[in-house]
Amino acid sequence: MSTATVSARPGTVLADLLPASRVRDAALVLGGAALTGLAAQLSVPVPGSPVPVTGQTFAALLVGTALGARRGFLSLALYTVAGMVGVPWFAGGESGAGAVSFGYVLGMLLASAVVGALARRGADRSPLRMAGTMVLGSAVIYAVGVPYLALAAHLSLGQAVAAGLVPFLIGDALKAALAMGLLPTAWKFAGKR
């Protein structure tokens, strides 16, 4: 079966184009966790917010979309658990579950499964559907992260929205635009091999 045939099959994500094996799946899960940890080190403080701008949200959504719901979730679970036990790969080299921004990590865990499930339904194959997938994934992250921030930092929900959501909307739009080009292009490339 050619790659072009595989890429057209319903229920396929980009990772499924690689030869199937348990070793492949383990490597993808580990690689997804490592990518997220590396991307988290791209961290820029936001004035007035305890939450920095990082590359980890984009990586988490990319991992979920490219690997599918199960492997994406496992990657982010590995990332989360390893960070909780001391691997310094949360934003800015932090680790542990005590940071006020830890809710966003938990949100990424759920979002990776959501976007992975959507990718299995073809949401990563066109720019418009990919944009919608990124928006939904980001919404899941905020749905967990903002209330957690409010509780952990003793903020009202309005203050948490102002500090933990509003400053990040432009960056999220840029990440969605990047994903709109990246994933559908990867599928086109895979179909031509």
Protein backbone atom coordinates (compact mmCIF):
# COMPACT_ATOMS: atom_id res chain seq x y z
CA MET A 1 0.00 0.00 0.00
CA SER A 2 1.49 3.35 -0.99
CA THR A 3 1.75 6.34 1.32
CA ALA A 4 -0.72 8.22 -0.87
CA THR A 5 -3.26 5.46 -0.31
CA VAL A 6 -2.63 5.41 3.43
CA SER A 7 -2.94 9.20 3.72
CA ALA A 8 -6.40 9.13 2.16
CA ARG A 9 -7.74 6.43 4.48
CA PRO A 10 -10.25 7.74 7.04
CA GLY A 11 -9.12 7.60 10.65
CA THR A 12 -5.45 8.13 9.82
CA VAL A 13 -3.22 10.73 11.46
CA LEU A 14 0.23 11.75 10.26
CA ALA A 15 2.01 9.38 12.67
CA ASP A 16 0.15 6.45 11.12
CA LEU A 17 2.13 6.96 7.92
CA LEU A 18 5.18 5.48 9.67
CA PRO A 19 5.50 1.69 9.78
CA ALA A 20 3.40 0.39 12.69
CA SER A 21 5.09 -1.11 15.74
CA ARG A 22 5.15 -0.74 19.50
CA VAL A 23 8.63 0.72 19.20
CA ARG A 24 7.27 3.39 16.83
CA ASP A 25 4.46 4.24 19.23
CA ALA A 26 6.82 4.43 22.23
CA ALA A 27 9.25 6.63 20.28
CA LEU A 28 6.41 8.92 19.18
CA VAL A 29 5.07 9.25 22.72
CA LEU A 30 8.54 9.98 24.11
CA GLY A 31 9.31 12.36 21.24
CA GLY A 32 6.03 14.22 21.74
CA ALA A 33 6.78 14.70 25.44
CA ALA A 34 10.31 15.88 24.68
CA LEU A 35 9.10 18.29 21.97
CA THR A 36 6.60 19.79 24.41
CA GLY A 37 9.30 20.10 27.09
CA LEU A 38 11.69 21.80 24.67
CA ALA A 39 9.00 24.15 23.38
CA ALA A 40 8.15 25.13 26.97
CA GLN A 41 11.64 26.58 27.28
CA LEU A 42 10.66 29.22 24.72
CA SER A 43 9.21 31.29 27.52
CA VAL A 44 8.60 35.04 27.61
CA PRO A 45 7.18 36.75 30.71
CA VAL A 46 3.94 38.69 30.24
CA PRO A 47 3.75 41.94 32.24
CA GLY A 48 0.94 41.72 34.79
CA SER A 49 0.50 37.96 34.41
CA PRO A 50 2.03 35.05 36.31
CA VAL A 51 1.69 32.99 33.11
CA PRO A 52 4.40 33.34 30.43
CA VAL A 53 3.99 33.03 26.67
CA THR A 54 5.54 29.71 25.70
CA GLY A 55 5.81 27.37 22.76
CA GLN A 56 4.43 24.48 24.80
CA THR A 57 0.77 25.05 23.94
CA PHE A 58 1.55 24.96 20.23
CA ALA A 59 3.67 21.83 20.72
CA ALA A 60 0.96 20.11 22.77
CA LEU A 61 -1.67 20.77 20.10
CA LEU A 62 0.72 19.76 17.32
CA VAL A 63 1.59 16.53 19.16
CA GLY A 64 -2.07 15.67 19.68
CA THR A 65 -2.95 16.39 16.07
CA ALA A 66 0.01 14.54 14.54
CA LEU A 67 -0.09 11.52 16.87
CA GLY A 68 -3.83 11.10 17.40
CA ALA A 69 -5.82 11.11 20.62
CA ARG A 70 -4.30 8.09 22.36
CA ARG A 71 -0.62 8.70 21.61
CA GLY A 72 -1.05 12.47 22.00
CA PHE A 73 -2.64 12.01 25.41
CA LEU A 74 0.09 9.58 26.46
CA SER A 75 2.79 12.05 25.32
CA LEU A 76 1.28 14.85 27.36
CA ALA A 77 0.70 12.51 30.30
CA LEU A 78 4.39 11.58 30.22
CA TYR A 79 5.32 15.27 29.95
CA THR A 80 3.04 16.12 32.90
CA VAL A 81 4.10 13.27 35.20
CA ALA A 82 7.81 13.74 34.46
CA GLY A 83 7.50 17.46 35.17
CA MET A 84 5.63 16.76 38.41
CA VAL A 85 8.37 14.46 39.67
CA GLY A 86 11.17 16.90 38.93
CA VAL A 87 12.13 17.03 35.25
CA PRO A 88 12.65 20.79 34.76
CA TRP A 89 10.79 21.10 31.47
CA PHE A 90 7.70 23.12 32.32
CA ALA A 91 7.76 26.77 31.25
CA GLY A 92 11.02 28.45 32.15
CA GLY A 93 12.66 25.24 33.41
CA GLU A 94 10.17 24.77 36.25
CA SER A 95 8.94 21.45 37.59
CA GLY A 96 6.35 20.27 40.10
CA ALA A 97 2.65 20.86 40.41
CA GLY A 98 2.83 23.97 42.59
CA ALA A 99 2.95 26.69 39.93
CA VAL A 100 -0.16 28.80 39.36
CA SER A 101 0.13 27.94 35.67
CA PHE A 102 -0.02 24.16 36.23
CA GLY A 103 -3.69 24.15 35.19
CA TYR A 104 -2.62 24.98 31.65
CA VAL A 105 -0.47 21.83 31.62
CA LEU A 106 -3.52 19.81 32.69
CA GLY A 107 -5.55 21.56 29.99
CA MET A 108 -2.93 20.63 27.38
CA LEU A 109 -3.26 17.02 28.44
CA LEU A 110 -6.98 17.08 27.64
CA ALA A 111 -6.58 19.26 24.56
CA SER A 112 -4.09 16.84 22.99
CA ALA A 113 -6.74 14.11 23.12
CA VAL A 114 -9.45 16.39 21.72
CA VAL A 115 -7.39 17.63 18.76
CA GLY A 116 -6.09 14.10 18.17
CA ALA A 117 -9.64 12.78 17.92
CA LEU A 118 -10.52 15.57 15.50
CA ALA A 119 -7.43 14.81 13.41
CA ARG A 120 -8.63 11.21 13.06
CA ARG A 121 -11.74 12.70 11.47
CA GLY A 122 -9.68 14.72 8.98
CA ALA A 123 -9.57 18.05 10.82
CA ASP A 124 -5.86 18.43 10.03
CA ARG A 125 -6.24 18.14 6.26
CA SER A 126 -7.48 21.60 5.33
CA PRO A 127 -6.47 25.05 6.58
CA LEU A 128 -9.98 26.02 7.69
CA ARG A 129 -10.61 22.81 9.64
CA MET A 130 -7.13 23.03 11.16
CA ALA A 131 -7.89 26.57 12.37
CA GLY A 132 -11.06 25.33 14.04
CA THR A 133 -9.14 22.47 15.63
CA MET A 134 -6.55 24.85 17.08
CA VAL A 135 -9.25 27.19 18.40
CA LEU A 136 -11.05 24.29 20.10
CA GLY A 137 -7.80 22.91 21.53
CA SER A 138 -6.88 26.34 22.90
CA ALA A 139 -10.36 26.70 24.39
CA VAL A 140 -9.91 23.39 26.24
CA ILE A 141 -6.56 24.57 27.62
CA TYR A 142 -8.10 27.84 28.84
CA ALA A 143 -11.17 26.06 30.25
CA VAL A 144 -8.86 24.24 32.67
CA GLY A 145 -6.00 26.72 33.01
CA VAL A 146 -7.92 29.92 33.78
CA PRO A 147 -10.05 28.54 36.66
CA TYR A 148 -6.96 26.81 38.07
CA LEU A 149 -5.09 30.13 37.88
CA ALA A 150 -7.96 31.87 39.68
CA LEU A 151 -7.88 29.33 42.51
CA ALA A 152 -4.09 28.99 42.79
CA ALA A 153 -3.36 32.74 42.59
CA HIS A 154 -6.42 33.80 44.63
CA LEU A 155 -7.86 35.85 41.76
CA SER A 156 -11.45 36.46 40.76
CA LEU A 157 -12.48 34.73 37.57
CA GLY A 158 -12.45 38.12 35.80
CA GLN A 159 -8.92 38.81 37.00
CA ALA A 160 -7.81 35.35 35.90
CA VAL A 161 -9.31 35.90 32.44
CA ALA A 162 -7.54 39.27 32.21
CA ALA A 163 -4.20 37.81 33.30
CA GLY A 164 -4.38 34.28 31.93
CA LEU A 165 -6.37 34.46 28.68
CA VAL A 166 -6.64 37.92 27.11
CA PRO A 167 -2.87 38.57 26.74
CA PHE A 168 -2.47 35.30 24.84
CA LEU A 169 -5.16 35.61 22.17
CA ILE A 170 -2.94 37.24 19.52
CA GLY A 171 -0.28 34.56 20.02
CA ASP A 172 -2.92 31.86 19.77
CA ALA A 173 -4.10 33.33 16.47
CA LEU A 174 -0.52 33.22 15.16
CA LYS A 175 -0.11 29.61 16.33
CA ALA A 176 -3.38 28.69 14.60
CA ALA A 177 -2.19 30.35 11.38
CA LEU A 178 1.08 28.42 11.54
CA ALA A 179 -0.78 25.13 12.09
CA MET A 180 -3.18 25.99 9.25
CA GLY A 181 -0.21 25.93 6.89
CA LEU A 182 1.91 23.25 8.52
CA LEU A 183 -0.38 20.24 8.90
CA PRO A 184 -2.37 20.42 5.64
CA THR A 185 0.95 20.93 3.81
CA ALA A 186 2.41 17.87 5.53
CA TRP A 187 -0.58 15.84 4.28
CA LYS A 188 -0.10 17.14 0.74
CA PHE A 189 3.58 16.26 0.88
CA ALA A 190 2.82 12.77 2.23
CA GLY A 191 0.30 12.21 -0.56
CA LYS A 192 2.91 13.00 -3.24
CA ARG A 193 5.51 10.50 -1.99
